Amino acid sequence: MMKDTSLHQPPTLDELKHLRKKMRRVDIEQKEKLSFLERIAIFISDHVGSATFFLILICVTISWLGWNMLAPEGMRFDPYPAFVLWLFIINIFQLMMMPLLMISQNLNGRHSDARAEADFDINTKAEFEIEVVLQHLENQNAMILQILERLENKR
């Protein structure tokens, strides 16, 4: 029995396994690439960007203003209208936080890009493997048709 060589043979399973890329863990890769300062920036922005920090800041501000407006005059450490110092401190804090938050956003953007690249690699690999499966199915269909033809010719 001669094998029909006119049909295009899809890659074998072993060939597919050999072509397969190792799966990437983008999150781990990105964390390993971060410098010490980038890790600090992410830590600070993660904690400053939380509801807990917001509530702490509100409580401290209300306590500061309340104490300095309602406490006995001898116990006030920043009497009215000197609470402007507190507003100045908050403004300085905000000015320092803006670059940290921008750094964190940039790092998260790089991480998202790397994840998107890994997703693209996976999708490309899946598309290739689906094409191979379809080629195998077409090849099997052609072989079945050849077998049926031979069986009909032998009758």
N, C-alpha and C. Protein backbone atom coordinates (compact mmCIF):
# COMPACT_ATOMS: atom_id res chain seq x y z
N MET A 1 0.83 -1.17 0.00
CA MET A 1 0.00 0.00 0.00
C MET A 1 0.89 1.25 0.00
N MET A 2 0.72 2.09 -1.00
CA MET A 2 1.53 3.30 -1.12
C MET A 2 0.89 4.46 -0.38
N LYS A 3 1.71 5.21 0.25
CA LYS A 3 1.24 6.37 0.97
C LYS A 3 1.12 7.55 0.00
N ASP A 4 0.02 8.27 0.08
CA ASP A 4 -0.20 9.41 -0.79
C ASP A 4 0.60 10.59 -0.24
N THR A 5 1.58 11.06 -1.00
CA THR A 5 2.43 12.15 -0.54
C THR A 5 1.92 13.51 -0.99
N SER A 6 0.79 13.53 -1.71
CA SER A 6 0.27 14.81 -2.18
C SER A 6 -0.34 15.63 -1.05
N LEU A 7 -0.73 14.95 0.03
CA LEU A 7 -1.31 15.66 1.16
C LEU A 7 -0.19 16.28 2.01
N HIS A 8 -0.41 17.50 2.43
CA HIS A 8 0.56 18.18 3.30
C HIS A 8 0.44 17.60 4.71
N GLN A 9 1.54 17.11 5.23
CA GLN A 9 1.54 16.50 6.55
C GLN A 9 1.71 17.58 7.62
N PRO A 10 0.78 17.68 8.54
CA PRO A 10 0.95 18.64 9.64
C PRO A 10 2.05 18.18 10.57
N PRO A 11 2.57 19.09 11.39
CA PRO A 11 3.62 18.70 12.33
C PRO A 11 3.12 17.63 13.30
N THR A 12 4.03 16.79 13.70
CA THR A 12 3.67 15.74 14.66
C THR A 12 3.58 16.35 16.06
N LEU A 13 3.04 15.58 16.98
CA LEU A 13 2.91 16.03 18.36
C LEU A 13 4.28 16.31 18.97
N ASP A 14 5.26 15.47 18.67
CA ASP A 14 6.62 15.70 19.19
C ASP A 14 7.21 16.99 18.64
N GLU A 15 6.96 17.25 17.36
CA GLU A 15 7.45 18.50 16.77
C GLU A 15 6.79 19.71 17.45
N LEU A 16 5.50 19.58 17.73
CA LEU A 16 4.79 20.67 18.41
C LEU A 16 5.36 20.90 19.80
N LYS A 17 5.60 19.82 20.53
CA LYS A 17 6.15 19.96 21.88
C LYS A 17 7.52 20.61 21.85
N HIS A 18 8.29 20.31 20.80
CA HIS A 18 9.62 20.90 20.67
C HIS A 18 9.53 22.40 20.39
N LEU A 19 8.52 22.83 19.65
CA LEU A 19 8.34 24.24 19.30
C LEU A 19 7.76 25.07 20.45
N ARG A 20 7.19 24.42 21.43
CA ARG A 20 6.50 25.10 22.52
C ARG A 20 7.47 25.92 23.36
N LYS A 21 7.07 27.18 23.62
CA LYS A 21 7.86 28.04 24.49
C LYS A 21 7.47 27.78 25.94
N LYS A 22 8.40 28.00 26.82
CA LYS A 22 8.11 27.87 28.24
C LYS A 22 7.18 29.01 28.65
N MET A 23 6.19 28.70 29.48
CA MET A 23 5.24 29.70 29.94
C MET A 23 5.96 30.71 30.83
N ARG A 24 5.64 32.00 30.62
CA ARG A 24 6.27 33.07 31.39
C ARG A 24 5.39 33.48 32.55
N ARG A 25 6.02 33.79 33.66
CA ARG A 25 5.33 34.38 34.82
C ARG A 25 5.72 35.85 34.85
N VAL A 26 4.95 36.67 34.15
CA VAL A 26 5.27 38.07 33.97
C VAL A 26 5.33 38.81 35.30
N ASP A 27 4.42 38.48 36.21
CA ASP A 27 4.42 39.17 37.50
C ASP A 27 5.72 38.95 38.26
N ILE A 28 6.23 37.73 38.23
CA ILE A 28 7.49 37.42 38.91
C ILE A 28 8.66 38.09 38.19
N GLU A 29 8.66 38.05 36.86
CA GLU A 29 9.72 38.70 36.09
C GLU A 29 9.79 40.19 36.41
N GLN A 30 8.64 40.83 36.46
CA GLN A 30 8.60 42.27 36.71
C GLN A 30 9.08 42.59 38.12
N LYS A 31 8.67 41.81 39.11
CA LYS A 31 9.09 42.07 40.49
C LYS A 31 10.60 41.91 40.64
N GLU A 32 11.18 40.95 39.91
CA GLU A 32 12.62 40.73 40.01
C GLU A 32 13.41 41.87 39.37
N LYS A 33 12.82 42.57 38.40
CA LYS A 33 13.51 43.66 37.70
C LYS A 33 13.46 44.98 38.46
N LEU A 34 12.60 45.09 39.46
CA LEU A 34 12.44 46.35 40.18
C LEU A 34 13.66 46.69 41.01
N SER A 35 14.05 47.97 40.97
CA SER A 35 15.15 48.43 41.82
C SER A 35 14.61 48.65 43.24
N PHE A 36 15.53 48.88 44.15
CA PHE A 36 15.15 49.12 45.54
C PHE A 36 14.24 50.34 45.67
N LEU A 37 14.60 51.42 44.97
CA LEU A 37 13.80 52.65 45.04
C LEU A 37 12.41 52.44 44.42
N GLU A 38 12.33 51.65 43.37
CA GLU A 38 11.03 51.38 42.76
C GLU A 38 10.15 50.56 43.71
N ARG A 39 10.77 49.63 44.42
CA ARG A 39 10.01 48.85 45.41
C ARG A 39 9.47 49.75 46.53
N ILE A 40 10.29 50.71 46.96
CA ILE A 40 9.85 51.65 48.00
C ILE A 40 8.70 52.50 47.47
N ALA A 41 8.83 52.98 46.24
CA ALA A 41 7.77 53.81 45.65
C ALA A 41 6.46 53.05 45.56
N ILE A 42 6.53 51.79 45.16
CA ILE A 42 5.31 50.98 45.07
C ILE A 42 4.72 50.75 46.46
N PHE A 43 5.58 50.45 47.44
CA PHE A 43 5.10 50.23 48.81
C PHE A 43 4.38 51.48 49.33
N ILE A 44 5.02 52.64 49.16
CA ILE A 44 4.41 53.88 49.66
C ILE A 44 3.11 54.17 48.93
N SER A 45 3.12 54.07 47.61
CA SER A 45 1.89 54.41 46.86
C SER A 45 0.77 53.41 47.15
N ASP A 46 1.12 52.15 47.39
CA ASP A 46 0.09 51.17 47.76
C ASP A 46 -0.57 51.53 49.09
N HIS A 47 0.24 51.97 50.04
CA HIS A 47 -0.29 52.28 51.37
C HIS A 47 -0.93 53.67 51.44
N VAL A 48 -0.35 54.64 50.74
CA VAL A 48 -0.91 55.98 50.74
C VAL A 48 -2.21 55.99 49.93
N GLY A 49 -2.30 55.14 48.95
CA GLY A 49 -3.49 55.09 48.11
C GLY A 49 -4.60 54.25 48.70
N SER A 50 -4.59 54.03 49.99
CA SER A 50 -5.61 53.18 50.61
C SER A 50 -6.63 54.03 51.37
N ALA A 51 -7.79 53.46 51.61
CA ALA A 51 -8.84 54.15 52.37
C ALA A 51 -8.40 54.33 53.83
N THR A 52 -7.63 53.40 54.36
CA THR A 52 -7.14 53.51 55.74
C THR A 52 -6.28 54.75 55.91
N PHE A 53 -5.37 54.97 54.98
CA PHE A 53 -4.51 56.15 55.07
C PHE A 53 -5.34 57.42 54.98
N PHE A 54 -6.33 57.43 54.09
CA PHE A 54 -7.21 58.59 53.95
C PHE A 54 -7.92 58.88 55.27
N LEU A 55 -8.45 57.84 55.90
CA LEU A 55 -9.15 58.03 57.18
C LEU A 55 -8.20 58.51 58.27
N ILE A 56 -6.99 57.98 58.31
CA ILE A 56 -6.00 58.43 59.29
C ILE A 56 -5.68 59.91 59.07
N LEU A 57 -5.50 60.31 57.82
CA LEU A 57 -5.19 61.70 57.52
C LEU A 57 -6.34 62.63 57.93
N ILE A 58 -7.57 62.20 57.66
CA ILE A 58 -8.74 63.00 58.05
C ILE A 58 -8.80 63.13 59.58
N CYS A 59 -8.60 62.02 60.29
CA CYS A 59 -8.66 62.04 61.76
C CYS A 59 -7.56 62.93 62.35
N VAL A 60 -6.35 62.84 61.81
CA VAL A 60 -5.25 63.67 62.31
C VAL A 60 -5.55 65.14 62.06
N THR A 61 -6.06 65.46 60.88
CA THR A 61 -6.37 66.85 60.55
C THR A 61 -7.46 67.40 61.47
N ILE A 62 -8.53 66.63 61.67
CA ILE A 62 -9.61 67.08 62.55
C ILE A 62 -9.10 67.22 63.98
N SER A 63 -8.28 66.27 64.43
CA SER A 63 -7.71 66.34 65.79
C SER A 63 -6.82 67.57 65.93
N TRP A 64 -5.96 67.80 64.96
CA TRP A 64 -5.05 68.95 64.98
C TRP A 64 -5.84 70.25 65.07
N LEU A 65 -6.78 70.41 64.16
CA LEU A 65 -7.57 71.66 64.15
C LEU A 65 -8.44 71.77 65.40
N GLY A 66 -9.08 70.65 65.78
CA GLY A 66 -9.94 70.67 66.96
C GLY A 66 -9.17 71.03 68.23
N TRP A 67 -8.02 70.40 68.42
CA TRP A 67 -7.22 70.68 69.62
C TRP A 67 -6.79 72.14 69.65
N ASN A 68 -6.33 72.63 68.53
CA ASN A 68 -5.80 73.99 68.49
C ASN A 68 -6.89 75.06 68.47
N MET A 69 -8.14 74.67 68.31
CA MET A 69 -9.24 75.64 68.38
C MET A 69 -10.00 75.52 69.70
N LEU A 70 -10.07 74.32 70.30
CA LEU A 70 -10.94 74.09 71.45
C LEU A 70 -10.20 73.84 72.77
N ALA A 71 -8.95 73.50 72.71
CA ALA A 71 -8.19 73.22 73.94
C ALA A 71 -7.93 74.52 74.70
N PRO A 72 -7.63 74.42 76.01
CA PRO A 72 -7.27 75.63 76.77
C PRO A 72 -6.08 76.32 76.11
N GLU A 73 -6.09 77.63 76.15
CA GLU A 73 -5.09 78.40 75.40
C GLU A 73 -3.66 78.03 75.74
N GLY A 74 -3.38 77.71 76.95
CA GLY A 74 -2.02 77.35 77.35
C GLY A 74 -1.57 76.01 76.79
N MET A 75 -2.51 75.15 76.40
CA MET A 75 -2.18 73.81 75.90
C MET A 75 -2.16 73.72 74.37
N ARG A 76 -2.56 74.78 73.72
CA ARG A 76 -2.56 74.76 72.24
C ARG A 76 -1.12 74.89 71.74
N PHE A 77 -0.73 74.00 70.86
CA PHE A 77 0.63 74.07 70.32
C PHE A 77 0.67 74.79 68.98
N ASP A 78 -0.49 75.01 68.38
CA ASP A 78 -0.55 75.70 67.09
C ASP A 78 -1.86 76.50 67.05
N PRO A 79 -1.96 77.54 67.89
CA PRO A 79 -3.23 78.25 68.03
C PRO A 79 -3.65 78.96 66.73
N TYR A 80 -4.96 79.21 66.67
CA TYR A 80 -5.52 79.89 65.51
C TYR A 80 -4.87 81.25 65.37
N PRO A 81 -4.51 81.71 64.22
CA PRO A 81 -4.61 81.17 62.87
C PRO A 81 -3.35 80.45 62.43
N ALA A 82 -2.55 79.97 63.36
CA ALA A 82 -1.28 79.32 63.00
C ALA A 82 -1.46 77.94 62.40
N PHE A 83 -2.70 77.44 62.30
CA PHE A 83 -2.91 76.13 61.66
C PHE A 83 -2.50 76.17 60.19
N VAL A 84 -2.16 77.35 59.73
CA VAL A 84 -1.63 77.47 58.37
C VAL A 84 -0.38 76.59 58.22
N LEU A 85 0.36 76.41 59.32
CA LEU A 85 1.51 75.50 59.30
C LEU A 85 1.07 74.10 58.90
N TRP A 86 -0.05 73.66 59.46
CA TRP A 86 -0.56 72.33 59.13
C TRP A 86 -0.92 72.25 57.64
N LEU A 87 -1.55 73.28 57.12
CA LEU A 87 -1.89 73.31 55.69
C LEU A 87 -0.63 73.29 54.83
N PHE A 88 0.41 74.02 55.30
CA PHE A 88 1.69 74.02 54.58
C PHE A 88 2.31 72.62 54.57
N ILE A 89 2.27 71.95 55.71
CA ILE A 89 2.82 70.59 55.80
C ILE A 89 2.06 69.66 54.86
N ILE A 90 0.74 69.78 54.83
CA ILE A 90 -0.06 68.92 53.95
C ILE A 90 0.27 69.18 52.49
N ASN A 91 0.45 70.46 52.13
CA ASN A 91 0.79 70.78 50.74
C ASN A 91 2.15 70.22 50.36
N ILE A 92 3.12 70.31 51.26
CA ILE A 92 4.45 69.74 51.00
C ILE A 92 4.32 68.22 50.82
N PHE A 93 3.53 67.60 51.69
CA PHE A 93 3.29 66.15 51.60
C PHE A 93 2.69 65.79 50.24
N GLN A 94 1.71 66.56 49.79
CA GLN A 94 1.09 66.29 48.49
C GLN A 94 2.10 66.44 47.36
N LEU A 95 2.94 67.47 47.44
CA LEU A 95 3.95 67.67 46.41
C LEU A 95 4.94 66.50 46.35
N MET A 96 5.24 65.92 47.50
CA MET A 96 6.15 64.77 47.52
C MET A 96 5.45 63.50 47.02
N MET A 97 4.16 63.40 47.27
CA MET A 97 3.43 62.19 46.89
C MET A 97 3.16 62.11 45.39
N MET A 98 2.99 63.24 44.74
CA MET A 98 2.68 63.22 43.30
C MET A 98 3.72 62.46 42.49
N PRO A 99 5.02 62.75 42.64
CA PRO A 99 6.01 61.98 41.86
C PRO A 99 6.00 60.50 42.22
N LEU A 100 5.81 60.17 43.51
CA LEU A 100 5.77 58.76 43.90
C LEU A 100 4.60 58.04 43.24
N LEU A 101 3.46 58.69 43.21
CA LEU A 101 2.29 58.07 42.58
C LEU A 101 2.50 57.93 41.07
N MET A 102 3.15 58.91 40.46
CA MET A 102 3.42 58.81 39.03
C MET A 102 4.41 57.69 38.74
N ILE A 103 5.41 57.54 39.58
CA ILE A 103 6.37 56.44 39.43
C ILE A 103 5.63 55.11 39.51
N SER A 104 4.76 54.99 40.51
CA SER A 104 4.00 53.76 40.68
C SER A 104 3.12 53.49 39.46
N GLN A 105 2.48 54.51 38.94
CA GLN A 105 1.65 54.34 37.75
C GLN A 105 2.49 53.89 36.55
N ASN A 106 3.67 54.47 36.40
CA ASN A 106 4.55 54.07 35.31
C ASN A 106 4.98 52.61 35.45
N LEU A 107 5.30 52.21 36.67
CA LEU A 107 5.69 50.81 36.90
C LEU A 107 4.53 49.87 36.63
N ASN A 108 3.33 50.26 37.07
CA ASN A 108 2.16 49.43 36.79
C ASN A 108 1.88 49.37 35.29
N GLY A 109 2.12 50.47 34.59
CA GLY A 109 1.96 50.48 33.13
C GLY A 109 2.93 49.52 32.46
N ARG A 110 4.19 49.52 32.92
CA ARG A 110 5.17 48.57 32.36
C ARG A 110 4.75 47.14 32.63
N HIS A 111 4.23 46.89 33.82
CA HIS A 111 3.77 45.55 34.17
C HIS A 111 2.60 45.14 33.28
N SER A 112 1.68 46.06 33.04
CA SER A 112 0.54 45.77 32.16
C SER A 112 1.00 45.47 30.74
N ASP A 113 1.99 46.22 30.27
CA ASP A 113 2.52 45.97 28.93
C ASP A 113 3.15 44.57 28.84
N ALA A 114 3.88 44.20 29.87
CA ALA A 114 4.51 42.88 29.88
C ALA A 114 3.46 41.77 29.92
N ARG A 115 2.39 41.98 30.71
CA ARG A 115 1.30 40.99 30.75
C ARG A 115 0.62 40.88 29.40
N ALA A 116 0.41 42.02 28.74
CA ALA A 116 -0.22 42.02 27.42
C ALA A 116 0.66 41.27 26.42
N GLU A 117 1.97 41.46 26.51
CA GLU A 117 2.89 40.75 25.62
C GLU A 117 2.83 39.25 25.86
N ALA A 118 2.79 38.85 27.14
CA ALA A 118 2.69 37.42 27.46
C ALA A 118 1.35 36.85 26.97
N ASP A 119 0.28 37.61 27.13
CA ASP A 119 -1.03 37.16 26.62
C ASP A 119 -1.00 37.00 25.11
N PHE A 120 -0.33 37.93 24.43
CA PHE A 120 -0.21 37.83 22.97
C PHE A 120 0.56 36.56 22.58
N ASP A 121 1.65 36.28 23.31
CA ASP A 121 2.42 35.06 23.04
C ASP A 121 1.55 33.82 23.21
N ILE A 122 0.77 33.79 24.28
CA ILE A 122 -0.11 32.64 24.53
C ILE A 122 -1.16 32.52 23.43
N ASN A 123 -1.74 33.64 23.05
CA ASN A 123 -2.76 33.61 21.99
C ASN A 123 -2.17 33.16 20.66
N THR A 124 -0.96 33.62 20.35
CA THR A 124 -0.29 33.21 19.12
C THR A 124 -0.01 31.71 19.14
N LYS A 125 0.46 31.23 20.28
CA LYS A 125 0.74 29.80 20.43
C LYS A 125 -0.55 28.98 20.29
N ALA A 126 -1.62 29.45 20.92
CA ALA A 126 -2.90 28.73 20.83
C ALA A 126 -3.41 28.72 19.39
N GLU A 127 -3.26 29.84 18.69
CA GLU A 127 -3.71 29.90 17.30
C GLU A 127 -2.93 28.91 16.44
N PHE A 128 -1.61 28.84 16.66
CA PHE A 128 -0.79 27.91 15.90
C PHE A 128 -1.21 26.46 16.18
N GLU A 129 -1.43 26.14 17.45
CA GLU A 129 -1.82 24.78 17.80
C GLU A 129 -3.21 24.44 17.25
N ILE A 130 -4.11 25.41 17.23
CA ILE A 130 -5.44 25.18 16.65
C ILE A 130 -5.31 24.91 15.16
N GLU A 131 -4.44 25.67 14.48
CA GLU A 131 -4.21 25.44 13.05
C GLU A 131 -3.68 24.03 12.81
N VAL A 132 -2.78 23.58 13.67
CA VAL A 132 -2.22 22.23 13.52
C VAL A 132 -3.31 21.19 13.72
N VAL A 133 -4.17 21.39 14.74
CA VAL A 133 -5.27 20.45 14.97
C VAL A 133 -6.19 20.43 13.76
N LEU A 134 -6.49 21.59 13.20
CA LEU A 134 -7.34 21.64 12.00
C LEU A 134 -6.67 20.94 10.82
N GLN A 135 -5.36 21.13 10.68
CA GLN A 135 -4.63 20.43 9.61
C GLN A 135 -4.73 18.92 9.80
N HIS A 136 -4.57 18.47 11.04
CA HIS A 136 -4.69 17.04 11.33
C HIS A 136 -6.10 16.55 10.98
N LEU A 137 -7.11 17.30 11.34
CA LEU A 137 -8.49 16.90 11.03
C LEU A 137 -8.73 16.86 9.52
N GLU A 138 -8.22 17.85 8.80
CA GLU A 138 -8.35 17.85 7.34
C GLU A 138 -7.61 16.65 6.75
N ASN A 139 -6.42 16.38 7.28
CA ASN A 139 -5.63 15.25 6.80
C ASN A 139 -6.37 13.94 7.06
N GLN A 140 -6.93 13.80 8.27
CA GLN A 140 -7.70 12.59 8.59
C GLN A 140 -8.93 12.47 7.70
N ASN A 141 -9.60 13.58 7.45
CA ASN A 141 -10.77 13.57 6.58
C ASN A 141 -10.39 13.11 5.18
N ALA A 142 -9.28 13.63 4.67
CA ALA A 142 -8.83 13.22 3.33
C ALA A 142 -8.48 11.74 3.31
N MET A 143 -7.83 11.25 4.36
CA MET A 143 -7.46 9.83 4.43
C MET A 143 -8.72 8.95 4.50
N ILE A 144 -9.71 9.38 5.27
CA ILE A 144 -10.96 8.62 5.38
C ILE A 144 -11.66 8.57 4.02
N LEU A 145 -11.66 9.71 3.34
CA LEU A 145 -12.27 9.74 2.00
C LEU A 145 -11.53 8.81 1.04
N GLN A 146 -10.21 8.76 1.12
CA GLN A 146 -9.43 7.85 0.28
C GLN A 146 -9.77 6.39 0.60
N ILE A 147 -9.89 6.09 1.88
CA ILE A 147 -10.23 4.72 2.29
C ILE A 147 -11.62 4.35 1.78
N LEU A 148 -12.57 5.26 1.92
CA LEU A 148 -13.93 5.00 1.41
C LEU A 148 -13.93 4.79 -0.10
N GLU A 149 -13.13 5.60 -0.80
CA GLU A 149 -13.04 5.45 -2.26
C GLU A 149 -12.49 4.08 -2.62
N ARG A 150 -11.44 3.65 -1.95
CA ARG A 150 -10.83 2.34 -2.22
C ARG A 150 -11.82 1.23 -1.93
N LEU A 151 -12.57 1.38 -0.81
CA LEU A 151 -13.56 0.35 -0.47
C LEU A 151 -14.66 0.29 -1.54
N GLU A 152 -15.10 1.42 -2.04
CA GLU A 152 -16.12 1.44 -3.06
C GLU A 152 -15.61 0.87 -4.38
N ASN A 153 -14.34 1.11 -4.69
CA ASN A 153 -13.75 0.59 -5.93
C ASN A 153 -13.56 -0.93 -5.87
N LYS A 154 -13.37 -1.49 -4.69
CA LYS A 154 -13.18 -2.93 -4.54
C LYS A 154 -14.50 -3.69 -4.67
N ARG A 155 -15.62 -3.04 -4.52
CA ARG A 155 -16.92 -3.73 -4.61
C ARG A 155 -17.19 -4.16 -5.97
